[in-house]
PDB file of N, CA and C in Angstrom:
ATOM      1  N   UNK A   1     353.181 -16.954 153.588  1.00  0.00           N
ATOM      2  CA  UNK A   1     352.226 -16.778 152.533  1.00  0.00           C
ATOM      3  C   UNK A   1     352.672 -15.554 151.790  1.00  0.00           C
ATOM      4  N   UNK A   2     352.872 -15.685 150.441  1.00  0.00           N
ATOM      5  CA  UNK A   2     353.297 -14.426 149.702  1.00  0.00           C
ATOM      6  C   UNK A   2     352.231 -13.338 149.622  1.00  0.00           C
ATOM      7  N   UNK A   3     352.623 -12.122 149.628  1.00  0.00           N
ATOM      8  CA  UNK A   3     351.686 -11.016 149.481  1.00  0.00           C
ATOM      9  C   UNK A   3     351.344 -10.863 148.040  1.00  0.00           C
ATOM     10  N   UNK A   4     350.140 -10.378 147.767  1.00  0.00           N
ATOM     11  CA  UNK A   4     349.597 -10.073 146.500  1.00  0.00           C
ATOM     12  C   UNK A   4     350.158  -8.713 146.057  1.00  0.00           C
ATOM     13  N   UNK A   5     351.211  -8.745 145.249  1.00  0.00           N
ATOM     14  CA  UNK A   5     351.868  -7.452 144.872  1.00  0.00           C
ATOM     15  C   UNK A   5     350.950  -6.675 144.047  1.00  0.00           C
ATOM     16  N   UNK A   6     350.123  -7.160 143.159  1.00  0.00           N
ATOM     17  CA  UNK A   6     349.206  -6.416 142.440  1.00  0.00           C
ATOM     18  C   UNK A   6     348.227  -5.715 143.315  1.00  0.00           C
ATOM     19  N   UNK A   7     347.630  -6.366 144.283  1.00  0.00           N
ATOM     20  CA  UNK A   7     346.808  -5.813 145.243  1.00  0.00           C
ATOM     21  C   UNK A   7     347.354  -4.676 146.070  1.00  0.00           C
ATOM     22  N   UNK A   8     348.612  -4.972 146.534  1.00  0.00           N
ATOM     23  CA  UNK A   8     349.380  -3.975 147.348  1.00  0.00           C
ATOM     24  C   UNK A   8     349.603  -2.743 146.503  1.00  0.00           C
ATOM     25  N   UNK A   9     349.966  -2.962 145.273  1.00  0.00           N
ATOM     26  CA  UNK A   9     350.315  -1.799 144.400  1.00  0.00           C
ATOM     27  C   UNK A   9     349.050  -0.948 144.140  1.00  0.00           C
ATOM     28  N   UNK A  10     347.879  -1.509 143.901  1.00  0.00           N
ATOM     29  CA  UNK A  10     346.703  -0.845 143.715  1.00  0.00           C
ATOM     30  C   UNK A  10     346.334  -0.071 145.027  1.00  0.00           C
ATOM     31  N   UNK A  11     346.506  -0.675 146.167  1.00  0.00           N
ATOM     32  CA  UNK A  11     346.075  -0.064 147.347  1.00  0.00           C
ATOM     33  C   UNK A  11     347.051   1.091 147.595  1.00  0.00           C
ATOM     34  N   UNK A  12     348.354   0.950 147.443  1.00  0.00           N
ATOM     35  CA  UNK A  12     349.308   2.156 147.498  1.00  0.00           C
ATOM     36  C   UNK A  12     348.879   3.291 146.594  1.00  0.00           C
ATOM     37  N   UNK A  13     348.518   2.896 145.397  1.00  0.00           N
ATOM     38  CA  UNK A  13     348.088   3.992 144.421  1.00  0.00           C
ATOM     39  C   UNK A  13     346.867   4.691 144.800  1.00  0.00           C
ATOM     40  N   UNK A  14     345.847   3.987 145.391  1.00  0.00           N
ATOM     41  CA  UNK A  14     344.640   4.626 145.874  1.00  0.00           C
ATOM     42  C   UNK A  14     344.929   5.474 147.078  1.00  0.00           C
ATOM     43  N   UNK A  15     345.798   4.993 147.937  1.00  0.00           N
ATOM     44  CA  UNK A  15     346.168   5.833 149.083  1.00  0.00           C
ATOM     45  C   UNK A  15     346.760   7.110 148.648  1.00  0.00           C
ATOM     46  N   UNK A  16     347.664   6.979 147.662  1.00  0.00           N
ATOM     47  CA  UNK A  16     348.421   8.211 147.224  1.00  0.00           C
ATOM     48  C   UNK A  16     347.371   9.201 146.537  1.00  0.00           C
ATOM     49  N   UNK A  17     346.456   8.632 145.696  1.00  0.00           N
ATOM     50  CA  UNK A  17     345.453   9.479 145.085  1.00  0.00           C
ATOM     51  C   UNK A  17     344.644  10.212 146.195  1.00  0.00           C
ATOM     52  N   UNK A  18     344.268   9.571 147.339  1.00  0.00           N
ATOM     53  CA  UNK A  18     343.455  10.138 148.404  1.00  0.00           C
ATOM     54  C   UNK A  18     344.285  11.269 149.021  1.00  0.00           C
ATOM     55  N   UNK A  19     345.565  11.016 149.346  1.00  0.00           N
ATOM     56  CA  UNK A  19     346.397  12.084 149.917  1.00  0.00           C
ATOM     57  C   UNK A  19     346.551  13.239 149.011  1.00  0.00           C
ATOM     58  N   UNK A  20     346.784  12.895 147.735  1.00  0.00           N
ATOM     59  CA  UNK A  20     346.980  14.055 146.779  1.00  0.00           C
ATOM     60  C   UNK A  20     345.753  14.977 146.583  1.00  0.00           C
ATOM     61  N   UNK A  21     344.616  14.278 146.516  1.00  0.00           N
ATOM     62  CA  UNK A  21     343.298  14.964 146.402  1.00  0.00           C
ATOM     63  C   UNK A  21     343.067  15.881 147.508  1.00  0.00           C
ATOM     64  N   UNK A  22     343.131  15.324 148.741  1.00  0.00           N
ATOM     65  CA  UNK A  22     342.849  16.131 149.960  1.00  0.00           C
ATOM     66  C   UNK A  22     343.880  17.243 150.106  1.00  0.00           C
ATOM     67  N   UNK A  23     345.096  16.956 149.840  1.00  0.00           N
ATOM     68  CA  UNK A  23     346.172  17.982 149.971  1.00  0.00           C
ATOM     69  C   UNK A  23     345.811  19.193 148.913  1.00  0.00           C
ATOM     70  N   UNK A  24     345.406  18.759 147.743  1.00  0.00           N
ATOM     71  CA  UNK A  24     345.016  19.832 146.797  1.00  0.00           C
ATOM     72  C   UNK A  24     343.869  20.724 147.246  1.00  0.00           C
ATOM     73  N   UNK A  25     342.826  19.964 147.756  1.00  0.00           N
ATOM     74  CA  UNK A  25     341.649  20.662 148.280  1.00  0.00           C
ATOM     75  C   UNK A  25     342.019  21.575 149.469  1.00  0.00           C
ATOM     76  N   UNK A  26     342.940  21.164 150.359  1.00  0.00           N
ATOM     77  CA  UNK A  26     343.307  21.919 151.558  1.00  0.00           C
ATOM     78  C   UNK A  26     344.026  23.153 151.201  1.00  0.00           C
ATOM     79  N   UNK A  27     344.585  23.335 150.006  1.00  0.00           N
ATOM     80  CA  UNK A  27     345.257  24.504 149.502  1.00  0.00           C
ATOM     81  C   UNK A  27     344.301  25.603 149.452  1.00  0.00           C
ATOM     82  N   UNK A  28     343.049  25.335 149.183  1.00  0.00           N
ATOM     83  CA  UNK A  28     341.967  26.358 149.054  1.00  0.00           C
ATOM     84  C   UNK A  28     341.393  26.805 150.347  1.00  0.00           C
ATOM     85  N   UNK A  29     341.768  26.146 151.498  1.00  0.00           N
ATOM     86  CA  UNK A  29     341.232  26.508 152.756  1.00  0.00           C
ATOM     87  C   UNK A  29     342.159  27.334 153.544  1.00  0.00           C
ATOM     88  N   UNK A  30     341.787  28.537 153.974  1.00  0.00           N
ATOM     89  CA  UNK A  30     342.696  29.344 154.775  1.00  0.00           C
ATOM     90  C   UNK A  30     343.065  28.903 156.099  1.00  0.00           C
ATOM     91  N   UNK A  31     342.072  28.327 156.813  1.00  0.00           N
ATOM     92  CA  UNK A  31     342.246  27.796 158.217  1.00  0.00           C
ATOM     93  C   UNK A  31     341.098  26.943 158.621  1.00  0.00           C
ATOM     94  N   UNK A  32     341.287  26.353 159.744  1.00  0.00           N
ATOM     95  CA  UNK A  32     340.129  25.472 160.323  1.00  0.00           C
ATOM     96  C   UNK A  32     338.999  26.413 160.569  1.00  0.00           C
ATOM     97  N   UNK A  33     337.754  26.017 160.244  1.00  0.00           N
ATOM     98  CA  UNK A  33     336.652  26.874 160.566  1.00  0.00           C
ATOM     99  C   UNK A  33     336.244  27.023 162.012  1.00  0.00           C
ATOM    100  N   UNK A  34     336.814  26.084 162.828  1.00  0.00           N
ATOM    101  CA  UNK A  34     336.498  26.123 164.273  1.00  0.00           C
ATOM    102  C   UNK A  34     337.600  26.855 165.072  1.00  0.00           C
ATOM    103  N   UNK A  35     338.835  26.513 164.973  1.00  0.00           N
ATOM    104  CA  UNK A  35     339.841  27.119 165.790  1.00  0.00           C
ATOM    105  C   UNK A  35     340.784  28.085 165.044  1.00  0.00           C
ATOM    106  N   UNK A  36     340.694  28.118 163.701  1.00  0.00           N
ATOM    107  CA  UNK A  36     341.429  28.930 162.800  1.00  0.00           C
ATOM    108  C   UNK A  36     342.904  28.517 162.734  1.00  0.00           C
ATOM    109  N   UNK A  37     343.157  27.284 163.178  1.00  0.00           N
ATOM    110  CA  UNK A  37     344.443  26.700 163.003  1.00  0.00           C
ATOM    111  C   UNK A  37     344.704  26.275 161.561  1.00  0.00           C
ATOM    112  N   UNK A  38     345.979  25.878 161.252  1.00  0.00           N
ATOM    113  CA  UNK A  38     346.361  25.504 159.870  1.00  0.00           C
ATOM    114  C   UNK A  38     347.284  24.308 159.944  1.00  0.00           C
ATOM    115  N   UNK A  39     347.067  23.406 160.800  1.00  0.00           N
ATOM    116  CA  UNK A  39     347.856  22.240 160.964  1.00  0.00           C
ATOM    117  C   UNK A  39     346.962  20.986 160.760  1.00  0.00           C
ATOM    118  N   UNK A  40     346.996  20.361 159.562  1.00  0.00           N
ATOM    119  CA  UNK A  40     346.114  19.275 159.288  1.00  0.00           C
ATOM    120  C   UNK A  40     346.766  17.955 159.124  1.00  0.00           C
ATOM    121  N   UNK A  41     346.144  16.997 159.582  1.00  0.00           N
ATOM    122  CA  UNK A  41     346.577  15.566 159.395  1.00  0.00           C
ATOM    123  C   UNK A  41     345.763  14.984 158.311  1.00  0.00           C
ATOM    124  N   UNK A  42     346.392  14.392 157.283  1.00  0.00           N
ATOM    125  CA  UNK A  42     345.691  13.798 156.083  1.00  0.00           C
ATOM    126  C   UNK A  42     346.056  12.310 156.029  1.00  0.00           C
ATOM    127  N   UNK A  43     345.223  11.438 156.542  1.00  0.00           N
ATOM    128  CA  UNK A  43     345.541  10.080 156.352  1.00  0.00           C
ATOM    129  C   UNK A  43     345.376   9.630 155.009  1.00  0.00           C
ATOM    130  N   UNK A  44     346.129   8.545 154.704  1.00  0.00           N
ATOM    131  CA  UNK A  44     346.123   7.995 153.289  1.00  0.00           C
ATOM    132  C   UNK A  44     345.114   6.809 153.165  1.00  0.00           C
ATOM    133  N   UNK A  45     343.986   6.864 153.858  1.00  0.00           N
ATOM    134  CA  UNK A  45     343.033   5.850 153.821  1.00  0.00           C
ATOM    135  C   UNK A  45     341.722   6.333 153.343  1.00  0.00           C
ATOM    136  N   UNK A  46     340.811   5.457 152.962  1.00  0.00           N
ATOM    137  CA  UNK A  46     339.481   5.751 152.445  1.00  0.00           C
ATOM    138  C   UNK A  46     338.633   5.086 153.556  1.00  0.00           C
ATOM    139  N   UNK A  47     337.491   5.874 153.935  1.00  0.00           N
ATOM    140  CA  UNK A  47     336.462   5.560 154.907  1.00  0.00           C
ATOM    141  C   UNK A  47     335.151   5.406 154.254  1.00  0.00           C
ATOM    142  N   UNK A  48     334.184   4.906 154.924  1.00  0.00           N
ATOM    143  CA  UNK A  48     332.785   4.886 154.456  1.00  0.00           C
ATOM    144  C   UNK A  48     331.881   5.379 155.532  1.00  0.00           C
ATOM    145  N   UNK A  49     330.838   6.163 155.036  1.00  0.00           N
ATOM    146  CA  UNK A  49     329.781   6.660 155.903  1.00  0.00           C
ATOM    147  C   UNK A  49     328.612   5.792 155.425  1.00  0.00           C
ATOM    148  N   UNK A  50     327.995   5.212 156.332  1.00  0.00           N
ATOM    149  CA  UNK A  50     326.852   4.321 156.048  1.00  0.00           C
ATOM    150  C   UNK A  50     325.502   4.982 156.285  1.00  0.00           C
ATOM    151  N   UNK A  51     324.531   4.771 155.467  1.00  0.00           N
ATOM    152  CA  UNK A  51     323.175   5.338 155.668  1.00  0.00           C
ATOM    153  C   UNK A  51     322.431   4.492 156.670  1.00  0.00           C
ATOM    154  N   UNK A  52     321.736   5.196 157.542  1.00  0.00           N
ATOM    155  CA  UNK A  52     320.839   4.610 158.488  1.00  0.00           C
ATOM    156  C   UNK A  52     319.470   5.282 158.425  1.00  0.00           C
ATOM    157  N   UNK A  53     318.417   4.355 158.311  1.00  0.00           N
ATOM    158  CA  UNK A  53     317.021   4.956 158.315  1.00  0.00           C
ATOM    159  C   UNK A  53     316.337   4.423 159.580  1.00  0.00           C
ATOM    160  N   UNK A  54     315.061   4.732 159.628  1.00  0.00           N
ATOM    161  CA  UNK A  54     314.326   4.310 160.841  1.00  0.00           C
ATOM    162  C   UNK A  54     314.256   2.786 160.914  1.00  0.00           C
ATOM    163  N   UNK A  55     314.433   2.093 159.707  1.00  0.00           N
ATOM    164  CA  UNK A  55     314.356   0.613 159.674  1.00  0.00           C
ATOM    165  C   UNK A  55     315.750   0.069 159.859  1.00  0.00           C
ATOM    166  N   UNK A  56     316.866   0.779 160.124  1.00  0.00           N
ATOM    167  CA  UNK A  56     318.093   0.328 160.341  1.00  0.00           C
ATOM    168  C   UNK A  56     319.038   0.699 159.208  1.00  0.00           C
ATOM    169  N   UNK A  57     320.212  -0.045 159.154  1.00  0.00           N
ATOM    170  CA  UNK A  57     321.242   0.215 158.131  1.00  0.00           C
ATOM    171  C   UNK A  57     320.676  -0.075 156.731  1.00  0.00           C
ATOM    172  N   UNK A  58     321.180   0.623 155.711  1.00  0.00           N
ATOM    173  CA  UNK A  58     320.758   0.334 154.360  1.00  0.00           C
ATOM    174  C   UNK A  58     322.064  -0.164 153.670  1.00  0.00           C
ATOM    175  N   UNK A  59     321.956  -0.534 152.444  1.00  0.00           N
ATOM    176  CA  UNK A  59     323.058  -0.950 151.631  1.00  0.00           C
ATOM    177  C   UNK A  59     323.935   0.180 151.119  1.00  0.00           C
ATOM    178  N   UNK A  60     323.375   1.445 151.245  1.00  0.00           N
ATOM    179  CA  UNK A  60     324.105   2.572 150.732  1.00  0.00           C
ATOM    180  C   UNK A  60     325.278   2.958 151.634  1.00  0.00           C
ATOM    181  N   UNK A  61     326.486   3.090 151.040  1.00  0.00           N
ATOM    182  CA  UNK A  61     327.606   3.607 151.671  1.00  0.00           C
ATOM    183  C   UNK A  61     328.167   4.822 150.853  1.00  0.00           C
ATOM    184  N   UNK A  62     328.771   5.710 151.528  1.00  0.00           N
ATOM    185  CA  UNK A  62     329.408   6.927 150.889  1.00  0.00           C
ATOM    186  C   UNK A  62     330.845   6.884 151.240  1.00  0.00           C
ATOM    187  N   UNK A  63     331.783   6.633 150.196  1.00  0.00           N
ATOM    188  CA  UNK A  63     333.196   6.609 150.483  1.00  0.00           C
ATOM    189  C   UNK A  63     333.734   7.941 150.680  1.00  0.00           C
ATOM    190  N   UNK A  64     334.667   8.061 151.712  1.00  0.00           N
ATOM    191  CA  UNK A  64     335.200   9.407 152.064  1.00  0.00           C
ATOM    192  C   UNK A  64     336.684   9.359 152.253  1.00  0.00           C
ATOM    193  N   UNK A  65     337.309  10.440 151.992  1.00  0.00           N
ATOM    194  CA  UNK A  65     338.714  10.744 152.429  1.00  0.00           C
ATOM    195  C   UNK A  65     338.611  11.971 153.269  1.00  0.00           C
ATOM    196  N   UNK A  66     339.572  12.090 154.266  1.00  0.00           N
ATOM    197  CA  UNK A  66     339.354  13.233 155.201  1.00  0.00           C
ATOM    198  C   UNK A  66     340.637  13.930 155.560  1.00  0.00           C
ATOM    199  N   UNK A  67     340.470  15.029 156.271  1.00  0.00           N
ATOM    200  CA  UNK A  67     341.505  15.911 156.848  1.00  0.00           C
ATOM    201  C   UNK A  67     341.068  16.263 158.242  1.00  0.00           C
ATOM    202  N   UNK A  68     342.021  16.097 159.228  1.00  0.00           N
ATOM    203  CA  UNK A  68     341.733  16.414 160.605  1.00  0.00           C
ATOM    204  C   UNK A  68     342.592  17.474 161.105  1.00  0.00           C
ATOM    205  N   UNK A  69     341.991  18.509 161.702  1.00  0.00           N
ATOM    206  CA  UNK A  69     342.698  19.672 162.336  1.00  0.00           C
ATOM    207  C   UNK A  69     343.453  19.088 163.532  1.00  0.00           C
ATOM    208  N   UNK A  70     344.693  19.280 163.594  1.00  0.00           N
ATOM    209  CA  UNK A  70     345.526  18.794 164.647  1.00  0.00           C
ATOM    210  C   UNK A  70     345.372  19.702 165.905  1.00  0.00           C
ATOM    211  N   UNK A  71     344.835  20.866 165.822  1.00  0.00           N
ATOM    212  CA  UNK A  71     344.595  21.584 166.959  1.00  0.00           C
ATOM    213  C   UNK A  71     343.398  21.323 167.792  1.00  0.00           C
ATOM    214  N   UNK A  72     342.276  21.202 167.028  1.00  0.00           N
ATOM    215  CA  UNK A  72     340.926  21.072 167.670  1.00  0.00           C
ATOM    216  C   UNK A  72     340.235  19.686 167.377  1.00  0.00           C
ATOM    217  N   UNK A  73     340.717  18.959 166.307  1.00  0.00           N
ATOM    218  CA  UNK A  73     340.098  17.689 165.938  1.00  0.00           C
ATOM    219  C   UNK A  73     338.952  17.780 164.953  1.00  0.00           C
ATOM    220  N   UNK A  74     338.699  18.948 164.452  1.00  0.00           N
ATOM    221  CA  UNK A  74     337.621  19.125 163.435  1.00  0.00           C
ATOM    222  C   UNK A  74     337.938  18.377 162.279  1.00  0.00           C
ATOM    223  N   UNK A  75     337.008  17.628 161.615  1.00  0.00           N
ATOM    224  CA  UNK A  75     337.234  16.779 160.476  1.00  0.00           C
ATOM    225  C   UNK A  75     336.461  17.293 159.293  1.00  0.00           C
ATOM    226  N   UNK A  76     337.257  17.417 158.154  1.00  0.00           N
ATOM    227  CA  UNK A  76     336.684  17.763 156.893  1.00  0.00           C
ATOM    228  C   UNK A  76     336.553  16.467 156.144  1.00  0.00           C
ATOM    229  N   UNK A  77     335.441  16.316 155.513  1.00  0.00           N
ATOM    230  CA  UNK A  77     335.169  15.076 154.742  1.00  0.00           C
ATOM    231  C   UNK A  77     335.073  15.399 153.212  1.00  0.00           C
ATOM    232  N   UNK A  78     335.770  14.525 152.377  1.00  0.00           N
ATOM    233  CA  UNK A  78     335.781  14.703 150.903  1.00  0.00           C
ATOM    234  C   UNK A  78     335.259  13.405 150.228  1.00  0.00           C
ATOM    235  N   UNK A  79     334.507  13.522 149.167  1.00  0.00           N
ATOM    236  CA  UNK A  79     334.025  12.425 148.403  1.00  0.00           C
ATOM    237  C   UNK A  79     335.198  11.612 147.836  1.00  0.00           C
ATOM    238  N   UNK A  80     335.297  10.419 148.234  1.00  0.00           N
ATOM    239  CA  UNK A  80     336.372   9.529 147.727  1.00  0.00           C
ATOM    240  C   UNK A  80     336.267   9.181 146.247  1.00  0.00           C
ATOM    241  N   UNK A  81     335.017   9.167 145.795  1.00  0.00           N
ATOM    242  CA  UNK A  81     334.900   8.890 144.347  1.00  0.00           C
ATOM    243  C   UNK A  81     335.394  10.075 143.557  1.00  0.00           C
ATOM    244  N   UNK A  82     335.273  11.304 143.941  1.00  0.00           N
ATOM    245  CA  UNK A  82     335.935  12.455 143.247  1.00  0.00           C
ATOM    246  C   UNK A  82     337.445  12.391 143.302  1.00  0.00           C
ATOM    247  N   UNK A  83     337.876  11.880 144.415  1.00  0.00           N
ATOM    248  CA  UNK A  83     339.306  11.721 144.621  1.00  0.00           C
ATOM    249  C   UNK A  83     339.946  10.599 143.793  1.00  0.00           C
ATOM    250  N   UNK A  84     339.072   9.709 143.238  1.00  0.00           N
ATOM    251  CA  UNK A  84     339.540   8.618 142.414  1.00  0.00           C
ATOM    252  C   UNK A  84     340.134   7.477 143.159  1.00  0.00           C
ATOM    253  N   UNK A  85     339.753   7.366 144.459  1.00  0.00           N
ATOM    254  CA  UNK A  85     340.274   6.286 145.274  1.00  0.00           C
ATOM    255  C   UNK A  85     339.428   5.003 145.306  1.00  0.00           C
ATOM    256  N   UNK A  86     338.281   5.066 144.732  1.00  0.00           N
ATOM    257  CA  UNK A  86     337.379   3.841 144.761  1.00  0.00           C
ATOM    258  C   UNK A  86     337.150   3.340 143.382  1.00  0.00           C
ATOM    259  N   UNK A  87     337.784   3.834 142.408  1.00  0.00           N
ATOM    260  CA  UNK A  87     337.516   3.328 140.936  1.00  0.00           C
ATOM    261  C   UNK A  87     337.730   1.884 140.879  1.00  0.00           C
ATOM    262  N   UNK A  88     338.653   1.205 141.520  1.00  0.00           N
ATOM    263  CA  UNK A  88     338.861  -0.210 141.374  1.00  0.00           C
ATOM    264  C   UNK A  88     338.320  -1.031 142.509  1.00  0.00           C
ATOM    265  N   UNK A  89     337.451  -0.469 143.296  1.00  0.00           N
ATOM    266  CA  UNK A  89     336.912  -1.178 144.499  1.00  0.00           C
ATOM    267  C   UNK A  89     335.367  -1.104 144.453  1.00  0.00           C
ATOM    268  N   UNK A  90     334.821  -2.108 145.153  1.00  0.00           N
ATOM    269  CA  UNK A  90     333.382  -2.015 145.467  1.00  0.00           C
ATOM    270  C   UNK A  90     333.282  -2.409 146.886  1.00  0.00           C
ATOM    271  N   UNK A  91     332.113  -2.116 147.459  1.00  0.00           N
ATOM    272  CA  UNK A  91     331.854  -2.419 148.904  1.00  0.00           C
ATOM    273  C   UNK A  91     330.793  -3.462 149.028  1.00  0.00           C
ATOM    274  N   UNK A  92     331.002  -4.389 150.014  1.00  0.00           N
ATOM    275  CA  UNK A  92     330.011  -5.420 150.170  1.00  0.00           C
ATOM    276  C   UNK A  92     328.742  -4.821 150.765  1.00  0.00           C
ATOM    277  N   UNK A  93     327.678  -5.571 150.737  1.00  0.00           N
ATOM    278  CA  UNK A  93     326.363  -5.010 151.171  1.00  0.00           C
ATOM    279  C   UNK A  93     326.312  -4.607 152.581  1.00  0.00           C
ATOM    280  N   UNK A  94     327.198  -5.223 153.474  1.00  0.00           N
ATOM    281  CA  UNK A  94     327.229  -4.831 154.824  1.00  0.00           C
ATOM    282  C   UNK A  94     328.107  -3.724 155.119  1.00  0.00           C
ATOM    283  N   UNK A  95     328.881  -3.150 154.119  1.00  0.00           N
ATOM    284  CA  UNK A  95     329.758  -2.035 154.185  1.00  0.00           C
ATOM    285  C   UNK A  95     330.831  -2.318 155.240  1.00  0.00           C
ATOM    286  N   UNK A  96     331.158  -3.496 155.436  1.00  0.00           N
ATOM    287  CA  UNK A  96     332.170  -3.810 156.420  1.00  0.00           C
ATOM    288  C   UNK A  96     333.591  -3.703 155.837  1.00  0.00           C
ATOM    289  N   UNK A  97     333.704  -4.128 154.538  1.00  0.00           N
ATOM    290  CA  UNK A  97     334.977  -4.319 153.986  1.00  0.00           C
ATOM    291  C   UNK A  97     334.939  -3.794 152.555  1.00  0.00           C
ATOM    292  N   UNK A  98     335.965  -3.225 152.084  1.00  0.00           N
ATOM    293  CA  UNK A  98     336.290  -2.962 150.707  1.00  0.00           C
ATOM    294  C   UNK A  98     336.869  -4.253 150.155  1.00  0.00           C
ATOM    295  N   UNK A  99     336.251  -4.653 148.999  1.00  0.00           N
ATOM    296  CA  UNK A  99     336.827  -5.934 148.353  1.00  0.00           C
ATOM    297  C   UNK A  99     337.119  -5.775 146.925  1.00  0.00           C
ATOM    298  N   UNK A 100     338.085  -6.616 146.553  1.00  0.00           N
ATOM    299  CA  UNK A 100     338.454  -6.635 145.060  1.00  0.00           C
ATOM    300  C   UNK A 100     337.354  -7.075 144.236  1.00  0.00           C
TER     301      UNK A 100
END
């Protein structure tokens, strides 16, 4: 089955925007607030944080890009919308998958 080159190209571009945005933000951080290390892993993926109320999961999701301290595992979260990684995506109501 042939791959969807347009889809792959958009995904690569979104991943690069996520990496670039987090890298730029990390230039402003002197060190990890927990261990004071300065070795960060920046994945090129977008994640979602899902809202939960007393009644259970809601339809609200918050897209995130992140950076993880390689020394202690502390995770910094950044708004993926501000990073420009979700402009071409929407999330299904169950927040399980990003879909075209």
